[in-house]
PDB file of N, CA and C in Angstrom:
ATOM      1  N   MET A   1      -3.256 -33.258 -16.064  1.00  0.00           N
ATOM      2  CA  MET A   1      -2.281 -33.328 -17.137  1.00  0.00           C
ATOM      3  C   MET A   1      -1.803 -31.938 -17.540  1.00  0.00           C
ATOM      4  N   LEU A   2      -2.713 -30.960 -17.547  1.00  0.00           N
ATOM      5  CA  LEU A   2      -2.340 -29.596 -17.900  1.00  0.00           C
ATOM      6  C   LEU A   2      -1.222 -29.085 -16.994  1.00  0.00           C
ATOM      7  N   THR A   3      -1.324 -29.365 -15.711  1.00  0.00           N
ATOM      8  CA  THR A   3      -0.330 -28.888 -14.761  1.00  0.00           C
ATOM      9  C   THR A   3       1.045 -29.458 -15.071  1.00  0.00           C
ATOM     10  N   ARG A   4       1.119 -30.741 -15.296  1.00  0.00           N
ATOM     11  CA  ARG A   4       2.401 -31.391 -15.597  1.00  0.00           C
ATOM     12  C   ARG A   4       2.987 -30.810 -16.882  1.00  0.00           C
ATOM     13  N   THR A   5       2.169 -30.626 -17.897  1.00  0.00           N
ATOM     14  CA  THR A   5       2.618 -30.063 -19.164  1.00  0.00           C
ATOM     15  C   THR A   5       3.137 -28.643 -18.978  1.00  0.00           C
ATOM     16  N   ALA A   6       2.418 -27.830 -18.217  1.00  0.00           N
ATOM     17  CA  ALA A   6       2.847 -26.444 -17.970  1.00  0.00           C
ATOM     18  C   ALA A   6       4.193 -26.421 -17.264  1.00  0.00           C
ATOM     19  N   CYS A   7       4.362 -27.262 -16.270  1.00  0.00           N
ATOM     20  CA  CYS A   7       5.637 -27.318 -15.542  1.00  0.00           C
ATOM     21  C   CYS A   7       6.779 -27.740 -16.458  1.00  0.00           C
ATOM     22  N   LEU A   8       6.533 -28.732 -17.284  1.00  0.00           N
ATOM     23  CA  LEU A   8       7.576 -29.199 -18.200  1.00  0.00           C
ATOM     24  C   LEU A   8       7.944 -28.136 -19.227  1.00  0.00           C
ATOM     25  N   GLU A   9       6.978 -27.368 -19.678  1.00  0.00           N
ATOM     26  CA  GLU A   9       7.270 -26.293 -20.621  1.00  0.00           C
ATOM     27  C   GLU A   9       8.127 -25.208 -19.978  1.00  0.00           C
ATOM     28  N   LEU A  10       7.864 -24.885 -18.723  1.00  0.00           N
ATOM     29  CA  LEU A  10       8.654 -23.861 -18.031  1.00  0.00           C
ATOM     30  C   LEU A  10      10.104 -24.287 -17.853  1.00  0.00           C
ATOM     31  N   VAL A  11      10.340 -25.566 -17.696  1.00  0.00           N
ATOM     32  CA  VAL A  11      11.707 -26.076 -17.524  1.00  0.00           C
ATOM     33  C   VAL A  11      12.584 -25.674 -18.697  1.00  0.00           C
ATOM     34  N   ASN A  12      12.030 -25.711 -19.908  1.00  0.00           N
ATOM     35  CA  ASN A  12      12.804 -25.334 -21.091  1.00  0.00           C
ATOM     36  C   ASN A  12      13.303 -23.894 -21.010  1.00  0.00           C
ATOM     37  N   PHE A  13      12.502 -23.013 -20.426  1.00  0.00           N
ATOM     38  CA  PHE A  13      12.913 -21.617 -20.303  1.00  0.00           C
ATOM     39  C   PHE A  13      14.021 -21.445 -19.270  1.00  0.00           C
ATOM     40  N   TYR A  14      13.973 -22.221 -18.194  1.00  0.00           N
ATOM     41  CA  TYR A  14      15.055 -22.178 -17.213  1.00  0.00           C
ATOM     42  C   TYR A  14      16.370 -22.584 -17.860  1.00  0.00           C
ATOM     43  N   ALA A  15      16.319 -23.538 -18.761  1.00  0.00           N
ATOM     44  CA  ALA A  15      17.529 -24.055 -19.390  1.00  0.00           C
ATOM     45  C   ALA A  15      18.202 -23.043 -20.308  1.00  0.00           C
ATOM     46  N   VAL A  16      17.465 -22.067 -20.815  1.00  0.00           N
ATOM     47  CA  VAL A  16      18.040 -21.086 -21.742  1.00  0.00           C
ATOM     48  C   VAL A  16      19.213 -20.355 -21.105  1.00  0.00           C
ATOM     49  N   THR A  17      19.046 -19.884 -19.891  1.00  0.00           N
ATOM     50  CA  THR A  17      20.135 -19.128 -19.258  1.00  0.00           C
ATOM     51  C   THR A  17      21.318 -20.026 -18.910  1.00  0.00           C
ATOM     52  N   ASN A  18      21.087 -21.310 -18.733  1.00  0.00           N
ATOM     53  CA  ASN A  18      22.195 -22.228 -18.450  1.00  0.00           C
ATOM     54  C   ASN A  18      23.143 -22.358 -19.633  1.00  0.00           C
ATOM     55  N   LYS A  19      22.660 -22.068 -20.826  1.00  0.00           N
ATOM     56  CA  LYS A  19      23.464 -22.192 -22.047  1.00  0.00           C
ATOM     57  C   LYS A  19      24.223 -20.914 -22.377  1.00  0.00           C
ATOM     58  N   MET A  20      23.977 -19.852 -21.626  1.00  0.00           N
ATOM     59  CA  MET A  20      24.645 -18.573 -21.891  1.00  0.00           C
ATOM     60  C   MET A  20      26.052 -18.572 -21.309  1.00  0.00           C
ATOM     61  N   SER A  21      26.940 -17.853 -21.986  1.00  0.00           N
ATOM     62  CA  SER A  21      28.262 -17.622 -21.415  1.00  0.00           C
ATOM     63  C   SER A  21      28.095 -16.648 -20.248  1.00  0.00           C
ATOM     64  N   ALA A  22      29.138 -16.486 -19.458  1.00  0.00           N
ATOM     65  CA  ALA A  22      29.076 -15.555 -18.325  1.00  0.00           C
ATOM     66  C   ALA A  22      28.785 -14.137 -18.812  1.00  0.00           C
ATOM     67  N   ASP A  23      29.424 -13.725 -19.906  1.00  0.00           N
ATOM     68  CA  ASP A  23      29.193 -12.382 -20.447  1.00  0.00           C
ATOM     69  C   ASP A  23      27.759 -12.222 -20.950  1.00  0.00           C
ATOM     70  N   GLU A  24      27.251 -13.240 -21.647  1.00  0.00           N
ATOM     71  CA  GLU A  24      25.873 -13.181 -22.141  1.00  0.00           C
ATOM     72  C   GLU A  24      24.885 -13.109 -20.976  1.00  0.00           C
ATOM     73  N   PHE A  25      25.118 -13.918 -19.949  1.00  0.00           N
ATOM     74  CA  PHE A  25      24.219 -13.915 -18.799  1.00  0.00           C
ATOM     75  C   PHE A  25      24.260 -12.568 -18.080  1.00  0.00           C
ATOM     76  N   ASN A  26      25.453 -12.018 -17.895  1.00  0.00           N
ATOM     77  CA  ASN A  26      25.573 -10.720 -17.226  1.00  0.00           C
ATOM     78  C   ASN A  26      24.881  -9.617 -18.017  1.00  0.00           C
ATOM     79  N   SER A  27      25.011  -9.656 -19.333  1.00  0.00           N
ATOM     80  CA  SER A  27      24.338  -8.667 -20.177  1.00  0.00           C
ATOM     81  C   SER A  27      22.822  -8.841 -20.106  1.00  0.00           C
ATOM     82  N   PHE A  28      22.371 -10.088 -20.175  1.00  0.00           N
ATOM     83  CA  PHE A  28      20.941 -10.378 -20.135  1.00  0.00           C
ATOM     84  C   PHE A  28      20.318  -9.985 -18.807  1.00  0.00           C
ATOM     85  N   SER A  29      20.983 -10.303 -17.723  1.00  0.00           N
ATOM     86  CA  SER A  29      20.394 -10.083 -16.391  1.00  0.00           C
ATOM     87  C   SER A  29      20.678  -8.697 -15.810  1.00  0.00           C
ATOM     88  N   SER A  30      21.371  -7.867 -16.556  1.00  0.00           N
ATOM     89  CA  SER A  30      21.687  -6.519 -16.087  1.00  0.00           C
ATOM     90  C   SER A  30      20.415  -5.717 -15.822  1.00  0.00           C
ATOM     91  N   PRO A  31      20.361  -5.010 -14.700  1.00  0.00           N
ATOM     92  CA  PRO A  31      19.210  -4.135 -14.441  1.00  0.00           C
ATOM     93  C   PRO A  31      19.032  -3.057 -15.505  1.00  0.00           C
ATOM     94  N   ASP A  32      20.077  -2.780 -16.273  1.00  0.00           N
ATOM     95  CA  ASP A  32      19.988  -1.785 -17.344  1.00  0.00           C
ATOM     96  C   ASP A  32      19.325  -2.334 -18.603  1.00  0.00           C
ATOM     97  N   ASN A  33      19.136  -3.642 -18.675  1.00  0.00           N
ATOM     98  CA  ASN A  33      18.520  -4.275 -19.830  1.00  0.00           C
ATOM     99  C   ASN A  33      17.017  -4.391 -19.564  1.00  0.00           C
ATOM    100  N   ALA A  34      16.287  -3.318 -19.863  1.00  0.00           N
ATOM    101  CA  ALA A  34      14.858  -3.247 -19.533  1.00  0.00           C
ATOM    102  C   ALA A  34      14.059  -4.355 -20.212  1.00  0.00           C
ATOM    103  N   LEU A  35      14.363  -4.654 -21.464  1.00  0.00           N
ATOM    104  CA  LEU A  35      13.618  -5.695 -22.167  1.00  0.00           C
ATOM    105  C   LEU A  35      13.776  -7.044 -21.468  1.00  0.00           C
ATOM    106  N   ALA A  36      15.002  -7.391 -21.120  1.00  0.00           N
ATOM    107  CA  ALA A  36      15.234  -8.667 -20.433  1.00  0.00           C
ATOM    108  C   ALA A  36      14.572  -8.666 -19.056  1.00  0.00           C
ATOM    109  N   GLN A  37      14.598  -7.545 -18.373  1.00  0.00           N
ATOM    110  CA  GLN A  37      13.948  -7.463 -17.061  1.00  0.00           C
ATOM    111  C   GLN A  37      12.442  -7.712 -17.194  1.00  0.00           C
ATOM    112  N   ILE A  38      11.847  -7.125 -18.222  1.00  0.00           N
ATOM    113  CA  ILE A  38      10.416  -7.320 -18.467  1.00  0.00           C
ATOM    114  C   ILE A  38      10.124  -8.786 -18.795  1.00  0.00           C
ATOM    115  N   LEU A  39      10.958  -9.378 -19.652  1.00  0.00           N
ATOM    116  CA  LEU A  39      10.783 -10.797 -19.986  1.00  0.00           C
ATOM    117  C   LEU A  39      10.900 -11.680 -18.748  1.00  0.00           C
ATOM    118  N   MET A  40      11.884 -11.398 -17.895  1.00  0.00           N
ATOM    119  CA  MET A  40      12.048 -12.199 -16.680  1.00  0.00           C
ATOM    120  C   MET A  40      10.855 -12.032 -15.745  1.00  0.00           C
ATOM    121  N   ALA A  41      10.320 -10.823 -15.644  1.00  0.00           N
ATOM    122  CA  ALA A  41       9.142 -10.598 -14.797  1.00  0.00           C
ATOM    123  C   ALA A  41       7.962 -11.431 -15.294  1.00  0.00           C
ATOM    124  N   HIS A  42       7.782 -11.500 -16.602  1.00  0.00           N
ATOM    125  CA  HIS A  42       6.702 -12.320 -17.160  1.00  0.00           C
ATOM    126  C   HIS A  42       6.958 -13.806 -16.895  1.00  0.00           C
ATOM    127  N   PHE A  43       8.197 -14.221 -17.044  1.00  0.00           N
ATOM    128  CA  PHE A  43       8.548 -15.621 -16.794  1.00  0.00           C
ATOM    129  C   PHE A  43       8.293 -15.988 -15.330  1.00  0.00           C
ATOM    130  N   TRP A  44       8.756 -15.149 -14.405  1.00  0.00           N
ATOM    131  CA  TRP A  44       8.528 -15.429 -12.978  1.00  0.00           C
ATOM    132  C   TRP A  44       7.042 -15.473 -12.673  1.00  0.00           C
ATOM    133  N   THR A  45       6.283 -14.598 -13.331  1.00  0.00           N
ATOM    134  CA  THR A  45       4.839 -14.568 -13.096  1.00  0.00           C
ATOM    135  C   THR A  45       4.173 -15.838 -13.615  1.00  0.00           C
ATOM    136  N   LEU A  46       4.593 -16.311 -14.770  1.00  0.00           N
ATOM    137  CA  LEU A  46       4.070 -17.593 -15.258  1.00  0.00           C
ATOM    138  C   LEU A  46       4.364 -18.703 -14.252  1.00  0.00           C
ATOM    139  N   GLY A  47       5.574 -18.696 -13.724  1.00  0.00           N
ATOM    140  CA  GLY A  47       5.928 -19.677 -12.698  1.00  0.00           C
ATOM    141  C   GLY A  47       5.045 -19.558 -11.469  1.00  0.00           C
ATOM    142  N   LEU A  48       4.769 -18.335 -11.061  1.00  0.00           N
ATOM    143  CA  LEU A  48       3.894 -18.119  -9.903  1.00  0.00           C
ATOM    144  C   LEU A  48       2.499 -18.684 -10.147  1.00  0.00           C
ATOM    145  N   VAL A  49       1.967 -18.456 -11.336  1.00  0.00           N
ATOM    146  CA  VAL A  49       0.622 -18.939 -11.661  1.00  0.00           C
ATOM    147  C   VAL A  49       0.599 -20.468 -11.628  1.00  0.00           C
ATOM    148  N   VAL A  50       1.583 -21.098 -12.261  1.00  0.00           N
ATOM    149  CA  VAL A  50       1.635 -22.566 -12.271  1.00  0.00           C
ATOM    150  C   VAL A  50       1.820 -23.096 -10.858  1.00  0.00           C
ATOM    151  N   GLN A  51       2.703 -22.471 -10.083  1.00  0.00           N
ATOM    152  CA  GLN A  51       2.944 -22.926  -8.708  1.00  0.00           C
ATOM    153  C   GLN A  51       1.710 -22.743  -7.838  1.00  0.00           C
ATOM    154  N   GLU A  52       1.013 -21.650  -8.006  1.00  0.00           N
ATOM    155  CA  GLU A  52      -0.202 -21.410  -7.230  1.00  0.00           C
ATOM    156  C   GLU A  52      -1.228 -22.499  -7.522  1.00  0.00           C
ATOM    157  N   TYR A  53      -1.333 -22.859  -8.771  1.00  0.00           N
ATOM    158  CA  TYR A  53      -2.294 -23.868  -9.184  1.00  0.00           C
ATOM    159  C   TYR A  53      -1.904 -25.253  -8.669  1.00  0.00           C
ATOM    160  N   THR A  54      -0.604 -25.546  -8.672  1.00  0.00           N
ATOM    161  CA  THR A  54      -0.162 -26.887  -8.297  1.00  0.00           C
ATOM    162  C   THR A  54       0.142 -27.047  -6.816  1.00  0.00           C
ATOM    163  N   MET A  55       0.620 -25.982  -6.154  1.00  0.00           N
ATOM    164  CA  MET A  55       1.082 -26.128  -4.773  1.00  0.00           C
ATOM    165  C   MET A  55       0.281 -25.316  -3.771  1.00  0.00           C
ATOM    166  N   GLY A  56      -0.552 -24.415  -4.242  1.00  0.00           N
ATOM    167  CA  GLY A  56      -1.403 -23.653  -3.336  1.00  0.00           C
ATOM    168  C   GLY A  56      -0.634 -22.914  -2.256  1.00  0.00           C
ATOM    169  N   HIS A  57      -1.023 -23.128  -1.022  1.00  0.00           N
ATOM    170  CA  HIS A  57      -0.426 -22.395   0.096  1.00  0.00           C
ATOM    171  C   HIS A  57       0.537 -23.247   0.917  1.00  0.00           C
ATOM    172  N   SER A  58       1.220 -24.186   0.292  1.00  0.00           N
ATOM    173  CA  SER A  58       2.193 -24.982   1.036  1.00  0.00           C
ATOM    174  C   SER A  58       3.269 -24.057   1.594  1.00  0.00           C
ATOM    175  N   ALA A  59       3.820 -24.411   2.734  1.00  0.00           N
ATOM    176  CA  ALA A  59       4.806 -23.555   3.416  1.00  0.00           C
ATOM    177  C   ALA A  59       6.011 -23.270   2.528  1.00  0.00           C
ATOM    178  N   VAL A  60       6.474 -24.258   1.802  1.00  0.00           N
ATOM    179  CA  VAL A  60       7.632 -24.067   0.920  1.00  0.00           C
ATOM    180  C   VAL A  60       7.284 -23.064  -0.173  1.00  0.00           C
ATOM    181  N   PHE A  61       6.119 -23.195  -0.746  1.00  0.00           N
ATOM    182  CA  PHE A  61       5.729 -22.315  -1.827  1.00  0.00           C
ATOM    183  C   PHE A  61       5.501 -20.890  -1.351  1.00  0.00           C
ATOM    184  N   VAL A  62       4.957 -20.701  -0.157  1.00  0.00           N
ATOM    185  CA  VAL A  62       4.684 -19.348   0.337  1.00  0.00           C
ATOM    186  C   VAL A  62       5.978 -18.541   0.405  1.00  0.00           C
ATOM    187  N   ALA A  63       7.049 -19.141   0.913  1.00  0.00           N
ATOM    188  CA  ALA A  63       8.333 -18.432   0.999  1.00  0.00           C
ATOM    189  C   ALA A  63       8.890 -18.148  -0.394  1.00  0.00           C
ATOM    190  N   ARG A  64       8.857 -19.138  -1.268  1.00  0.00           N
ATOM    191  CA  ARG A  64       9.370 -18.967  -2.628  1.00  0.00           C
ATOM    192  C   ARG A  64       8.534 -17.936  -3.386  1.00  0.00           C
ATOM    193  N   LYS A  65       7.224 -18.005  -3.209  1.00  0.00           N
ATOM    194  CA  LYS A  65       6.320 -17.087  -3.883  1.00  0.00           C
ATOM    195  C   LYS A  65       6.627 -15.644  -3.469  1.00  0.00           C
ATOM    196  N   GLU A  66       6.873 -15.427  -2.202  1.00  0.00           N
ATOM    197  CA  GLU A  66       7.174 -14.076  -1.718  1.00  0.00           C
ATOM    198  C   GLU A  66       8.417 -13.522  -2.407  1.00  0.00           C
ATOM    199  N   VAL A  67       9.439 -14.347  -2.550  1.00  0.00           N
ATOM    200  CA  VAL A  67      10.671 -13.909  -3.223  1.00  0.00           C
ATOM    201  C   VAL A  67      10.375 -13.563  -4.678  1.00  0.00           C
ATOM    202  N   GLN A  68       9.667 -14.425  -5.369  1.00  0.00           N
ATOM    203  CA  GLN A  68       9.375 -14.172  -6.780  1.00  0.00           C
ATOM    204  C   GLN A  68       8.487 -12.931  -6.967  1.00  0.00           C
ATOM    205  N   MET A  69       7.528 -12.749  -6.092  1.00  0.00           N
ATOM    206  CA  MET A  69       6.671 -11.560  -6.204  1.00  0.00           C
ATOM    207  C   MET A  69       7.500 -10.300  -5.980  1.00  0.00           C
ATOM    208  N   ARG A  70       8.422 -10.359  -5.042  1.00  0.00           N
ATOM    209  CA  ARG A  70       9.281  -9.187  -4.785  1.00  0.00           C
ATOM    210  C   ARG A  70      10.173  -8.905  -5.983  1.00  0.00           C
ATOM    211  N   TRP A  71      10.673  -9.950  -6.641  1.00  0.00           N
ATOM    212  CA  TRP A  71      11.485  -9.753  -7.849  1.00  0.00           C
ATOM    213  C   TRP A  71      10.681  -9.002  -8.905  1.00  0.00           C
ATOM    214  N   VAL A  72       9.444  -9.405  -9.122  1.00  0.00           N
ATOM    215  CA  VAL A  72       8.589  -8.734 -10.115  1.00  0.00           C
ATOM    216  C   VAL A  72       8.410  -7.262  -9.738  1.00  0.00           C
ATOM    217  N   GLU A  73       8.158  -6.999  -8.463  1.00  0.00           N
ATOM    218  CA  GLU A  73       7.979  -5.614  -8.010  1.00  0.00           C
ATOM    219  C   GLU A  73       9.258  -4.800  -8.173  1.00  0.00           C
ATOM    220  N   LYS A  74      10.399  -5.408  -7.890  1.00  0.00           N
ATOM    221  CA  LYS A  74      11.690  -4.706  -8.044  1.00  0.00           C
ATOM    222  C   LYS A  74      11.951  -4.376  -9.510  1.00  0.00           C
ATOM    223  N   VAL A  75      11.627  -5.297 -10.401  1.00  0.00           N
ATOM    224  CA  VAL A  75      11.785  -5.026 -11.831  1.00  0.00           C
ATOM    225  C   VAL A  75      10.926  -3.822 -12.215  1.00  0.00           C
ATOM    226  N   ALA A  76       9.693  -3.796 -11.761  1.00  0.00           N
ATOM    227  CA  ALA A  76       8.788  -2.685 -12.085  1.00  0.00           C
ATOM    228  C   ALA A  76       9.334  -1.354 -11.581  1.00  0.00           C
ATOM    229  N   GLU A  77       9.981  -1.381 -10.429  1.00  0.00           N
ATOM    230  CA  GLU A  77      10.561  -0.152  -9.877  1.00  0.00           C
ATOM    231  C   GLU A  77      11.717   0.350 -10.736  1.00  0.00           C
ATOM    232  N   GLY A  78      12.448  -0.562 -11.394  1.00  0.00           N
ATOM    233  CA  GLY A  78      13.641  -0.184 -12.136  1.00  0.00           C
ATOM    234  C   GLY A  78      13.435   0.061 -13.616  1.00  0.00           C
ATOM    235  N   VAL A  79      12.293  -0.334 -14.150  1.00  0.00           N
ATOM    236  CA  VAL A  79      12.039  -0.173 -15.584  1.00  0.00           C
ATOM    237  C   VAL A  79      11.595   1.271 -15.854  1.00  0.00           C
ATOM    238  N   PRO A  80      12.132   1.881 -16.926  1.00  0.00           N
ATOM    239  CA  PRO A  80      11.735   3.254 -17.257  1.00  0.00           C
ATOM    240  C   PRO A  80      10.221   3.391 -17.394  1.00  0.00           C
ATOM    241  N   GLY A  81       9.707   4.550 -17.024  1.00  0.00           N
ATOM    242  CA  GLY A  81       8.273   4.808 -16.962  1.00  0.00           C
ATOM    243  C   GLY A  81       7.480   4.406 -18.186  1.00  0.00           C
ATOM    244  N   ASP A  82       7.978   4.721 -19.388  1.00  0.00           N
ATOM    245  CA  ASP A  82       7.209   4.417 -20.598  1.00  0.00           C
ATOM    246  C   ASP A  82       7.163   2.923 -20.894  1.00  0.00           C
ATOM    247  N   GLU A  83       8.023   2.139 -20.276  1.00  0.00           N
ATOM    248  CA  GLU A  83       8.042   0.689 -20.496  1.00  0.00           C
ATOM    249  C   GLU A  83       7.330  -0.082 -19.383  1.00  0.00           C
ATOM    250  N   ARG A  84       6.905   0.603 -18.345  1.00  0.00           N
ATOM    251  CA  ARG A  84       6.205  -0.066 -17.237  1.00  0.00           C
ATOM    252  C   ARG A  84       4.871  -0.663 -17.664  1.00  0.00           C
ATOM    253  N   ARG A  85       4.307  -0.141 -18.733  1.00  0.00           N
ATOM    254  CA  ARG A  85       3.017  -0.666 -19.197  1.00  0.00           C
ATOM    255  C   ARG A  85       3.107  -2.148 -19.542  1.00  0.00           C
ATOM    256  N   TYR A  86       4.315  -2.615 -19.880  1.00  0.00           N
ATOM    257  CA  TYR A  86       4.500  -4.023 -20.205  1.00  0.00           C
ATOM    258  C   TYR A  86       4.519  -4.908 -18.951  1.00  0.00           C
ATOM    259  N   LEU A  87       4.461  -4.274 -17.811  1.00  0.00           N
ATOM    260  CA  LEU A  87       4.465  -5.013 -16.549  1.00  0.00           C
ATOM    261  C   LEU A  87       3.095  -4.999 -15.867  1.00  0.00           C
ATOM    262  N   GLU A  88       2.091  -4.486 -16.547  1.00  0.00           N
ATOM    263  CA  GLU A  88       0.755  -4.427 -15.938  1.00  0.00           C
ATOM    264  C   GLU A  88       0.250  -5.811 -15.556  1.00  0.00           C
ATOM    265  N   TRP A  89       0.373  -6.781 -16.461  1.00  0.00           N
ATOM    266  CA  TRP A  89      -0.107  -8.133 -16.158  1.00  0.00           C
ATOM    267  C   TRP A  89       0.660  -8.766 -14.989  1.00  0.00           C
ATOM    268  N   PRO A  90       2.002  -8.782 -15.019  1.00  0.00           N
ATOM    269  CA  PRO A  90       2.695  -9.370 -13.868  1.00  0.00           C
ATOM    270  C   PRO A  90       2.329  -8.694 -12.544  1.00  0.00           C
ATOM    271  N   LEU A  91       2.218  -7.380 -12.541  1.00  0.00           N
ATOM    272  CA  LEU A  91       1.887  -6.678 -11.297  1.00  0.00           C
ATOM    273  C   LEU A  91       0.461  -6.969 -10.841  1.00  0.00           C
ATOM    274  N   ARG A  92      -0.477  -7.120 -11.783  1.00  0.00           N
ATOM    275  CA  ARG A  92      -1.853  -7.501 -11.404  1.00  0.00           C
ATOM    276  C   ARG A  92      -1.882  -8.885 -10.778  1.00  0.00           C
ATOM    277  N   ILE A  93      -1.121  -9.810 -11.343  1.00  0.00           N
ATOM    278  CA  ILE A  93      -1.067 -11.171 -10.788  1.00  0.00           C
ATOM    279  C   ILE A  93      -0.447 -11.137  -9.395  1.00  0.00           C
ATOM    280  N   VAL A  94       0.641 -10.400  -9.229  1.00  0.00           N
ATOM    281  CA  VAL A  94       1.282 -10.294  -7.909  1.00  0.00           C
ATOM    282  C   VAL A  94       0.298  -9.709  -6.897  1.00  0.00           C
ATOM    283  N   GLN A  95      -0.397  -8.660  -7.288  1.00  0.00           N
ATOM    284  CA  GLN A  95      -1.379  -8.049  -6.384  1.00  0.00           C
ATOM    285  C   GLN A  95      -2.459  -9.059  -5.990  1.00  0.00           C
ATOM    286  N   ARG A  96      -2.948  -9.801  -6.944  1.00  0.00           N
ATOM    287  CA  ARG A  96      -3.980 -10.805  -6.666  1.00  0.00           C
ATOM    288  C   ARG A  96      -3.436 -11.906  -5.746  1.00  0.00           C
ATOM    289  N   LEU A  97      -2.222 -12.367  -6.021  1.00  0.00           N
ATOM    290  CA  LEU A  97      -1.635 -13.411  -5.174  1.00  0.00           C
ATOM    291  C   LEU A  97      -1.383 -12.903  -3.758  1.00  0.00           C
ATOM    292  N   ARG A  98      -0.936 -11.655  -3.634  1.00  0.00           N
ATOM    293  CA  ARG A  98      -0.712 -11.085  -2.296  1.00  0.00           C
ATOM    294  C   ARG A  98      -2.012 -11.056  -1.499  1.00  0.00           C
ATOM    295  N   SER A  99      -3.110 -10.755  -2.164  1.00  0.00           N
ATOM    296  CA  SER A  99      -4.386 -10.672  -1.454  1.00  0.00           C
ATOM    297  C   SER A  99      -4.889 -12.049  -1.023  1.00  0.00           C
ATOM    298  N   ARG A 100      -4.387 -13.100  -1.662  1.00  0.00           N
ATOM    299  CA  ARG A 100      -4.828 -14.460  -1.347  1.00  0.00           C
ATOM    300  C   ARG A 100      -3.840 -15.243  -0.487  1.00  0.00           C
ATOM    301  N   THR A 101      -2.647 -14.690  -0.264  1.00  0.00           N
ATOM    302  CA  THR A 101      -1.614 -15.412   0.468  1.00  0.00           C
ATOM    303  C   THR A 101      -1.772 -15.192   1.962  1.00  0.00           C
ATOM    304  N   PRO A 102      -1.850 -16.286   2.733  1.00  0.00           N
ATOM    305  CA  PRO A 102      -1.930 -16.123   4.186  1.00  0.00           C
ATOM    306  C   PRO A 102      -0.674 -15.444   4.716  1.00  0.00           C
ATOM    307  N   LYS A 103      -0.839 -14.566   5.690  1.00  0.00           N
ATOM    308  CA  LYS A 103       0.298 -13.879   6.309  1.00  0.00           C
ATOM    309  C   LYS A 103       1.073 -14.883   7.165  1.00  0.00           C
ATOM    310  N   ARG A 104       2.405 -14.795   7.059  1.00  0.00           N
ATOM    311  CA  ARG A 104       3.261 -15.665   7.876  1.00  0.00           C
ATOM    312  C   ARG A 104       3.401 -15.058   9.244  1.00  0.00           C
ATOM    313  N   SER A 105       3.324 -15.897  10.254  1.00  0.00           N
ATOM    314  CA  SER A 105       3.471 -15.394  11.629  1.00  0.00           C
ATOM    315  C   SER A 105       4.937 -15.176  11.939  1.00  0.00           C
ATOM    316  N   ALA A 106       5.224 -14.150  12.736  1.00  0.00           N
ATOM    317  CA  ALA A 106       6.607 -13.800  13.061  1.00  0.00           C
ATOM    318  C   ALA A 106       7.161 -14.682  14.149  1.00  0.00           C
TER     319      ALA A 106
END
């Protein structure tokens, strides 16, 4: 039941950006908006944790997980140095997931 509840709660956060105007969305998602970038990194990380718990190493999830982990890492690269401390948790989770994710064969 916890898993279903967690997934349903995350859906509400996805819906927030759907209600934004184009200008609001562009401002929010701008790489120059460090606060929003940090918030999105935390949101993606929450999604990763829920997905890991519910879907494990399914082939579909492994590809999606890789994209989301890279997004978190890219945000960390672009956030000013003094604000990177707010990304410690997402980066620790990404590091842990990378160590547990089977390598895809070429």
